[in-house]
PDB file of N, CA and C in Angstrom:
ATOM      1  N   MET A   1       0.605  -1.122  -0.086  1.00  0.00           N
ATOM      2  CA  MET A   1       0.049  -0.134  -0.503  1.00  0.00           C
ATOM      3  C   MET A   1       1.142   1.599  -0.038  1.00  0.00           C
ATOM      4  N   TRP A   2       2.176   1.484   0.770  1.00  0.00           N
ATOM      5  CA  TRP A   2       2.804   2.272   0.884  1.00  0.00           C
ATOM      6  C   TRP A   2       3.467   2.312  -0.703  1.00  0.00           C
ATOM      7  N   GLY A   3       3.678   1.502  -1.260  1.00  0.00           N
ATOM      8  CA  GLY A   3       4.807   2.043  -2.521  1.00  0.00           C
ATOM      9  C   GLY A   3       3.487   2.615  -3.524  1.00  0.00           C
ATOM     10  N   THR A   4       2.461   2.162  -3.796  1.00  0.00           N
ATOM     11  CA  THR A   4       1.277   2.893  -4.195  1.00  0.00           C
ATOM     12  C   THR A   4       1.222   4.499  -3.797  1.00  0.00           C
ATOM     13  N   VAL A   5       1.254   4.778  -2.677  1.00  0.00           N
ATOM     14  CA  VAL A   5       1.329   6.192  -2.372  1.00  0.00           C
ATOM     15  C   VAL A   5       2.588   7.430  -2.417  1.00  0.00           C
ATOM     16  N   ALA A   6       3.482   6.684  -2.678  1.00  0.00           N
ATOM     17  CA  ALA A   6       4.927   7.094  -3.019  1.00  0.00           C
ATOM     18  C   ALA A   6       4.663   7.089  -4.324  1.00  0.00           C
ATOM     19  N   SER A   7       4.554   5.998  -5.034  1.00  0.00           N
ATOM     20  CA  SER A   7       4.377   5.714  -6.342  1.00  0.00           C
ATOM     21  C   SER A   7       3.623   7.134  -6.877  1.00  0.00           C
ATOM     22  N   LEU A   8       2.228   7.228  -6.743  1.00  0.00           N
ATOM     23  CA  LEU A   8       1.382   8.391  -6.934  1.00  0.00           C
ATOM     24  C   LEU A   8       2.020   9.639  -6.440  1.00  0.00           C
ATOM     25  N   GLU A   9       2.534   9.706  -5.351  1.00  0.00           N
ATOM     26  CA  GLU A   9       3.323  11.109  -4.823  1.00  0.00           C
ATOM     27  C   GLU A   9       4.222  11.397  -5.875  1.00  0.00           C
ATOM     28  N   ILE A  10       5.006  10.448  -6.482  1.00  0.00           N
ATOM     29  CA  ILE A  10       5.722  10.840  -7.801  1.00  0.00           C
ATOM     30  C   ILE A  10       5.463  11.442  -9.050  1.00  0.00           C
ATOM     31  N   SER A  11       4.478  10.203  -9.036  1.00  0.00           N
ATOM     32  CA  SER A  11       3.615  10.883 -10.060  1.00  0.00           C
ATOM     33  C   SER A  11       3.066  12.424 -10.302  1.00  0.00           C
ATOM     34  N   MET A  12       2.767  12.459  -9.391  1.00  0.00           N
ATOM     35  CA  MET A  12       2.208  14.274  -9.325  1.00  0.00           C
ATOM     36  C   MET A  12       3.221  15.026  -9.312  1.00  0.00           C
ATOM     37  N   LYS A  13       4.058  14.854  -9.141  1.00  0.00           N
ATOM     38  CA  LYS A  13       5.213  16.270  -8.743  1.00  0.00           C
ATOM     39  C   LYS A  13       5.792  15.947 -10.120  1.00  0.00           C
ATOM     40  N   ALA A  14       5.860  14.704 -11.311  1.00  0.00           N
ATOM     41  CA  ALA A  14       6.107  15.156 -12.794  1.00  0.00           C
ATOM     42  C   ALA A  14       5.552  15.487 -13.502  1.00  0.00           C
ATOM     43  N   LEU A  15       3.674  15.340 -13.189  1.00  0.00           N
ATOM     44  CA  LEU A  15       3.054  16.032 -13.659  1.00  0.00           C
ATOM     45  C   LEU A  15       3.031  17.400 -13.381  1.00  0.00           C
ATOM     46  N   PHE A  16       3.451  17.710 -12.344  1.00  0.00           N
ATOM     47  CA  PHE A  16       3.315  19.328 -11.746  1.00  0.00           C
ATOM     48  C   PHE A  16       4.433  20.013 -12.538  1.00  0.00           C
ATOM     49  N   ILE A  17       5.646  19.108 -12.717  1.00  0.00           N
ATOM     50  CA  ILE A  17       7.309  19.526 -13.935  1.00  0.00           C
ATOM     51  C   ILE A  17       6.426  19.760 -14.903  1.00  0.00           C
ATOM     52  N   VAL A  18       6.357  18.116 -15.950  1.00  0.00           N
ATOM     53  CA  VAL A  18       5.795  18.439 -16.996  1.00  0.00           C
ATOM     54  C   VAL A  18       4.912  19.952 -16.904  1.00  0.00           C
ATOM     55  N   GLY A  19       3.772  20.161 -16.464  1.00  0.00           N
ATOM     56  CA  GLY A  19       2.794  21.200 -16.428  1.00  0.00           C
ATOM     57  C   GLY A  19       3.949  22.716 -16.778  1.00  0.00           C
ATOM     58  N   LEU A  20       4.496  22.842 -15.863  1.00  0.00           N
ATOM     59  CA  LEU A  20       5.511  23.932 -15.530  1.00  0.00           C
ATOM     60  C   LEU A  20       6.305  24.412 -16.823  1.00  0.00           C
ATOM     61  N   ILE A  21       6.772  23.161 -17.322  1.00  0.00           N
ATOM     62  CA  ILE A  21       7.814  23.584 -18.530  1.00  0.00           C
ATOM     63  C   ILE A  21       6.857  23.725 -19.786  1.00  0.00           C
ATOM     64  N   VAL A  22       5.432  23.361 -20.184  1.00  0.00           N
ATOM     65  CA  VAL A  22       4.639  23.449 -21.023  1.00  0.00           C
ATOM     66  C   VAL A  22       3.731  24.996 -20.852  1.00  0.00           C
ATOM     67  N   LEU A  23       3.635  25.644 -19.191  1.00  0.00           N
ATOM     68  CA  LEU A  23       3.458  26.449 -19.011  1.00  0.00           C
ATOM     69  C   LEU A  23       4.842  27.452 -19.516  1.00  0.00           C
ATOM     70  N   ALA A  24       5.672  27.083 -19.337  1.00  0.00           N
ATOM     71  CA  ALA A  24       6.600  28.141 -20.111  1.00  0.00           C
ATOM     72  C   ALA A  24       7.007  28.681 -21.102  1.00  0.00           C
ATOM     73  N   LEU A  25       6.704  26.932 -21.877  1.00  0.00           N
ATOM     74  CA  LEU A  25       7.079  27.386 -23.610  1.00  0.00           C
ATOM     75  C   LEU A  25       5.785  27.883 -23.875  1.00  0.00           C
ATOM     76  N   GLY A  26       4.392  27.967 -23.391  1.00  0.00           N
ATOM     77  CA  GLY A  26       3.635  29.225 -23.580  1.00  0.00           C
ATOM     78  C   GLY A  26       3.975  30.063 -23.464  1.00  0.00           C
ATOM     79  N   ILE A  27       4.431  30.833 -22.668  1.00  0.00           N
ATOM     80  CA  ILE A  27       4.750  31.995 -22.580  1.00  0.00           C
ATOM     81  C   ILE A  27       5.696  32.488 -23.523  1.00  0.00           C
ATOM     82  N   CYS A  28       7.109  31.949 -23.375  1.00  0.00           N
ATOM     83  CA  CYS A  28       8.045  31.840 -24.726  1.00  0.00           C
ATOM     84  C   CYS A  28       7.294  31.444 -26.162  1.00  0.00           C
ATOM     85  N   SER A  29       6.031  31.144 -26.113  1.00  0.00           N
ATOM     86  CA  SER A  29       5.993  31.033 -27.791  1.00  0.00           C
ATOM     87  C   SER A  29       5.307  32.815 -28.040  1.00  0.00           C
ATOM     88  N   PHE A  30       5.114  33.083 -27.193  1.00  0.00           N
ATOM     89  CA  PHE A  30       4.066  35.178 -27.440  1.00  0.00           C
ATOM     90  C   PHE A  30       5.434  35.804 -27.996  1.00  0.00           C
ATOM     91  N   PHE A  31       6.734  35.114 -27.677  1.00  0.00           N
ATOM     92  CA  PHE A  31       7.710  36.397 -27.677  1.00  0.00           C
ATOM     93  C   PHE A  31       9.110  36.318 -28.438  1.00  0.00           C
ATOM     94  N   VAL A  32       9.097  34.617 -28.757  1.00  0.00           N
ATOM     95  CA  VAL A  32      10.234  34.022 -29.518  1.00  0.00           C
ATOM     96  C   VAL A  32       9.728  33.762 -31.054  1.00  0.00           C
ATOM     97  N   PRO A  33      10.351  34.209 -31.421  1.00  0.00           N
ATOM     98  CA  PRO A  33       9.838  33.539 -33.440  1.00  0.00           C
ATOM     99  C   PRO A  33      10.750  32.433 -33.373  1.00  0.00           C
ATOM    100  N   LEU A  34      10.086  31.746 -34.309  1.00  0.00           N
ATOM    101  CA  LEU A  34      10.602  30.315 -34.566  1.00  0.00           C
ATOM    102  C   LEU A  34      10.942  30.403 -36.037  1.00  0.00           C
ATOM    103  N   PRO A  35      12.561  29.979 -36.144  1.00  0.00           N
ATOM    104  CA  PRO A  35      13.454  30.436 -37.545  1.00  0.00           C
ATOM    105  C   PRO A  35      12.646  29.194 -38.438  1.00  0.00           C
ATOM    106  N   HIS A  36      12.518  29.829 -40.001  1.00  0.00           N
ATOM    107  CA  HIS A  36      12.011  28.767 -40.927  1.00  0.00           C
ATOM    108  C   HIS A  36      13.015  28.991 -41.898  1.00  0.00           C
ATOM    109  N   SER A  37      13.995  27.829 -42.647  1.00  0.00           N
ATOM    110  CA  SER A  37      14.384  27.860 -44.394  1.00  0.00           C
ATOM    111  C   SER A  37      13.628  27.892 -45.283  1.00  0.00           C
ATOM    112  N   GLU A  38      13.546  28.032 -46.390  1.00  0.00           N
ATOM    113  CA  GLU A  38      13.298  27.538 -47.583  1.00  0.00           C
ATOM    114  C   GLU A  38      14.154  27.659 -48.542  1.00  0.00           C
ATOM    115  N   GLU A  39      14.188  26.735 -49.208  1.00  0.00           N
ATOM    116  CA  GLU A  39      15.082  26.777 -51.073  1.00  0.00           C
ATOM    117  C   GLU A  39      14.573  27.106 -51.709  1.00  0.00           C
ATOM    118  N   HIS A  40      14.463  27.910 -52.920  1.00  0.00           N
ATOM    119  CA  HIS A  40      13.769  27.760 -54.098  1.00  0.00           C
ATOM    120  C   HIS A  40      14.666  27.900 -54.676  1.00  0.00           C
ATOM    121  N   GLY A  41      14.292  27.215 -56.164  1.00  0.00           N
ATOM    122  CA  GLY A  41      15.471  27.156 -57.206  1.00  0.00           C
ATOM    123  C   GLY A  41      14.699  26.534 -58.599  1.00  0.00           C
ATOM    124  N   VAL A  42      15.852  26.470 -59.630  1.00  0.00           N
ATOM    125  CA  VAL A  42      15.481  25.926 -60.686  1.00  0.00           C
ATOM    126  C   VAL A  42      16.764  25.163 -61.373  1.00  0.00           C
ATOM    127  N   SER A  43      15.991  24.330 -61.839  1.00  0.00           N
ATOM    128  CA  SER A  43      16.936  23.162 -62.428  1.00  0.00           C
ATOM    129  C   SER A  43      16.956  22.967 -63.549  1.00  0.00           C
ATOM    130  N   ALA A  44      17.722  23.045 -64.562  1.00  0.00           N
ATOM    131  CA  ALA A  44      17.836  22.798 -65.943  1.00  0.00           C
ATOM    132  C   ALA A  44      19.199  22.186 -66.187  1.00  0.00           C
ATOM    133  N   GLY A  45      18.649  20.917 -66.767  1.00  0.00           N
ATOM    134  CA  GLY A  45      20.041  19.740 -66.871  1.00  0.00           C
ATOM    135  C   GLY A  45      21.329  19.761 -65.535  1.00  0.00           C
ATOM    136  N   ASP A  46      22.481  20.096 -65.876  1.00  0.00           N
ATOM    137  CA  ASP A  46      23.027  19.887 -64.863  1.00  0.00           C
ATOM    138  C   ASP A  46      23.473  21.595 -63.844  1.00  0.00           C
ATOM    139  N   LEU A  47      22.409  22.372 -64.820  1.00  0.00           N
ATOM    140  CA  LEU A  47      22.637  23.781 -64.031  1.00  0.00           C
ATOM    141  C   LEU A  47      21.500  23.985 -63.027  1.00  0.00           C
ATOM    142  N   HIS A  48      21.776  24.165 -61.782  1.00  0.00           N
ATOM    143  CA  HIS A  48      21.015  24.899 -60.898  1.00  0.00           C
ATOM    144  C   HIS A  48      21.380  26.280 -60.623  1.00  0.00           C
ATOM    145  N   MET A  49      20.169  26.922 -60.376  1.00  0.00           N
ATOM    146  CA  MET A  49      19.886  28.225 -59.734  1.00  0.00           C
ATOM    147  C   MET A  49      19.032  28.046 -58.431  1.00  0.00           C
ATOM    148  N   GLY A  50      19.824  28.695 -56.925  1.00  0.00           N
ATOM    149  CA  GLY A  50      18.678  28.829 -55.897  1.00  0.00           C
ATOM    150  C   GLY A  50      18.939  29.791 -55.208  1.00  0.00           C
ATOM    151  N   VAL A  51      17.571  30.397 -54.763  1.00  0.00           N
ATOM    152  CA  VAL A  51      17.903  31.089 -53.230  1.00  0.00           C
ATOM    153  C   VAL A  51      17.067  30.517 -52.317  1.00  0.00           C
ATOM    154  N   THR A  52      18.355  31.054 -51.209  1.00  0.00           N
ATOM    155  CA  THR A  52      17.392  30.116 -49.684  1.00  0.00           C
ATOM    156  C   THR A  52      17.217  31.849 -49.393  1.00  0.00           C
ATOM    157  N   THR A  53      15.670  31.347 -48.417  1.00  0.00           N
ATOM    158  CA  THR A  53      15.471  32.601 -48.083  1.00  0.00           C
ATOM    159  C   THR A  53      14.687  32.210 -45.913  1.00  0.00           C
ATOM    160  N   HIS A  54      15.237  33.191 -45.219  1.00  0.00           N
ATOM    161  CA  HIS A  54      15.089  32.964 -44.236  1.00  0.00           C
ATOM    162  C   HIS A  54      13.842  33.739 -43.576  1.00  0.00           C
ATOM    163  N   HIS A  55      13.180  32.828 -42.481  1.00  0.00           N
ATOM    164  CA  HIS A  55      11.895  33.881 -42.143  1.00  0.00           C
ATOM    165  C   HIS A  55      11.664  33.566 -40.946  1.00  0.00           C
ATOM    166  N   GLU A  56      11.524  33.991 -39.779  1.00  0.00           N
ATOM    167  CA  GLU A  56      11.046  33.965 -38.363  1.00  0.00           C
ATOM    168  C   GLU A  56       9.567  34.240 -38.133  1.00  0.00           C
ATOM    169  N   GLU A  57       9.097  33.198 -37.842  1.00  0.00           N
ATOM    170  CA  GLU A  57       7.372  33.337 -37.440  1.00  0.00           C
ATOM    171  C   GLU A  57       6.915  33.357 -36.704  1.00  0.00           C
ATOM    172  N   ARG A  58       6.461  34.211 -35.051  1.00  0.00           N
ATOM    173  CA  ARG A  58       5.873  33.367 -34.505  1.00  0.00           C
ATOM    174  C   ARG A  58       4.434  32.111 -34.371  1.00  0.00           C
ATOM    175  N   VAL A  59       4.309  31.845 -33.357  1.00  0.00           N
ATOM    176  CA  VAL A  59       3.320  30.635 -33.532  1.00  0.00           C
ATOM    177  C   VAL A  59       2.039  31.583 -33.425  1.00  0.00           C
ATOM    178  N   PRO A  60       1.085  30.968 -33.883  1.00  0.00           N
ATOM    179  CA  PRO A  60      -0.475  31.220 -33.840  1.00  0.00           C
ATOM    180  C   PRO A  60      -0.777  31.917 -32.407  1.00  0.00           C
ATOM    181  N   PRO A  61      -1.104  32.920 -32.022  1.00  0.00           N
ATOM    182  CA  PRO A  61      -1.804  33.400 -30.484  1.00  0.00           C
ATOM    183  C   PRO A  61      -2.711  32.212 -29.999  1.00  0.00           C
ATOM    184  N   ALA A  62      -3.414  31.442 -30.860  1.00  0.00           N
ATOM    185  CA  ALA A  62      -4.160  30.496 -30.355  1.00  0.00           C
ATOM    186  C   ALA A  62      -3.688  29.256 -29.701  1.00  0.00           C
ATOM    187  N   VAL A  63      -2.654  28.733 -30.377  1.00  0.00           N
ATOM    188  CA  VAL A  63      -1.436  27.747 -29.610  1.00  0.00           C
ATOM    189  C   VAL A  63      -1.035  28.462 -28.461  1.00  0.00           C
ATOM    190  N   SER A  64      -0.121  29.621 -28.768  1.00  0.00           N
ATOM    191  CA  SER A  64      -0.183  29.962 -27.072  1.00  0.00           C
ATOM    192  C   SER A  64      -0.377  29.839 -26.379  1.00  0.00           C
ATOM    193  N   ILE A  65      -1.997  30.416 -26.630  1.00  0.00           N
ATOM    194  CA  ILE A  65      -2.966  30.462 -24.934  1.00  0.00           C
ATOM    195  C   ILE A  65      -3.301  28.865 -24.873  1.00  0.00           C
ATOM    196  N   VAL A  66      -3.431  27.688 -25.487  1.00  0.00           N
ATOM    197  CA  VAL A  66      -3.799  26.694 -25.622  1.00  0.00           C
ATOM    198  C   VAL A  66      -2.674  26.395 -24.456  1.00  0.00           C
ATOM    199  N   LEU A  67      -1.270  26.218 -25.173  1.00  0.00           N
ATOM    200  CA  LEU A  67      -0.517  25.552 -24.155  1.00  0.00           C
ATOM    201  C   LEU A  67      -0.297  26.443 -22.908  1.00  0.00           C
ATOM    202  N   LEU A  68      -0.873  27.462 -22.636  1.00  0.00           N
ATOM    203  CA  LEU A  68      -0.989  27.932 -20.888  1.00  0.00           C
ATOM    204  C   LEU A  68      -1.927  27.457 -20.357  1.00  0.00           C
ATOM    205  N   VAL A  69      -2.733  26.960 -21.440  1.00  0.00           N
ATOM    206  CA  VAL A  69      -3.981  26.908 -20.248  1.00  0.00           C
ATOM    207  C   VAL A  69      -3.970  25.224 -20.033  1.00  0.00           C
ATOM    208  N   VAL A  70      -3.147  24.393 -21.165  1.00  0.00           N
ATOM    209  CA  VAL A  70      -2.622  22.960 -20.857  1.00  0.00           C
ATOM    210  C   VAL A  70      -1.628  22.816 -19.667  1.00  0.00           C
ATOM    211  N   GLY A  71      -0.970  23.391 -19.563  1.00  0.00           N
ATOM    212  CA  GLY A  71       0.447  24.069 -18.806  1.00  0.00           C
ATOM    213  C   GLY A  71      -0.668  24.097 -16.942  1.00  0.00           C
ATOM    214  N   ALA A  72      -0.979  25.333 -17.113  1.00  0.00           N
ATOM    215  CA  ALA A  72      -1.885  25.660 -16.051  1.00  0.00           C
ATOM    216  C   ALA A  72      -2.679  24.294 -15.370  1.00  0.00           C
ATOM    217  N   GLY A  73      -3.082  23.915 -16.022  1.00  0.00           N
ATOM    218  CA  GLY A  73      -3.737  22.357 -15.728  1.00  0.00           C
ATOM    219  C   GLY A  73      -3.426  21.540 -15.149  1.00  0.00           C
ATOM    220  N   LEU A  74      -1.894  20.986 -16.020  1.00  0.00           N
ATOM    221  CA  LEU A  74      -1.351  20.163 -15.501  1.00  0.00           C
ATOM    222  C   LEU A  74      -0.738  20.595 -14.388  1.00  0.00           C
ATOM    223  N   MET A  75      -0.331  21.879 -14.247  1.00  0.00           N
ATOM    224  CA  MET A  75       0.220  21.715 -12.898  1.00  0.00           C
ATOM    225  C   MET A  75      -0.998  21.783 -11.679  1.00  0.00           C
ATOM    226  N   LEU A  76      -2.268  22.154 -12.263  1.00  0.00           N
ATOM    227  CA  LEU A  76      -2.883  22.302 -10.772  1.00  0.00           C
ATOM    228  C   LEU A  76      -3.704  20.975 -10.608  1.00  0.00           C
ATOM    229  N   GLY A  77      -3.346  19.888 -11.683  1.00  0.00           N
ATOM    230  CA  GLY A  77      -3.720  18.717 -11.330  1.00  0.00           C
ATOM    231  C   GLY A  77      -2.343  17.760 -10.533  1.00  0.00           C
ATOM    232  N   GLY A  78      -0.861  18.477 -10.779  1.00  0.00           N
ATOM    233  CA  GLY A  78      -0.180  17.659 -10.229  1.00  0.00           C
ATOM    234  C   GLY A  78       0.651  18.046  -8.733  1.00  0.00           C
ATOM    235  N   ARG A  79      -0.605  19.348  -8.105  1.00  0.00           N
ATOM    236  CA  ARG A  79      -0.131  19.752  -7.227  1.00  0.00           C
ATOM    237  C   ARG A  79      -0.369  18.606  -5.841  1.00  0.00           C
ATOM    238  N   GLY A  80      -1.577  17.622  -6.358  1.00  0.00           N
ATOM    239  CA  GLY A  80      -1.828  17.241  -5.121  1.00  0.00           C
ATOM    240  C   GLY A  80      -2.907  17.220  -4.089  1.00  0.00           C
ATOM    241  N   LYS A  81      -3.033  15.994  -3.170  1.00  0.00           N
ATOM    242  CA  LYS A  81      -4.155  16.964  -1.990  1.00  0.00           C
ATOM    243  C   LYS A  81      -3.584  16.781  -0.768  1.00  0.00           C
ATOM    244  N   SER A  82      -1.715  17.665  -0.790  1.00  0.00           N
ATOM    245  CA  SER A  82      -1.197  17.558   0.152  1.00  0.00           C
ATOM    246  C   SER A  82      -1.436  19.464   1.094  1.00  0.00           C
TER     247      SER A  82
END
């Protein structure tokens, strides 16, 4: 019986930590853009001409909000009954 209680407490702490990480990612996703590269080119036989473009795009706000809500929910679920 004590083994299951200790196991449950460890699981709850892990759930809280995962929630904290997801919450932090949600906050960061509002401010930190994600780099994205694309290569555009034309090939004709052995000749290849190309251009590589670099973009930095932010995650849509709806995704950031979902990350915040899920992270907070995991943290609330992981705090246990102590």
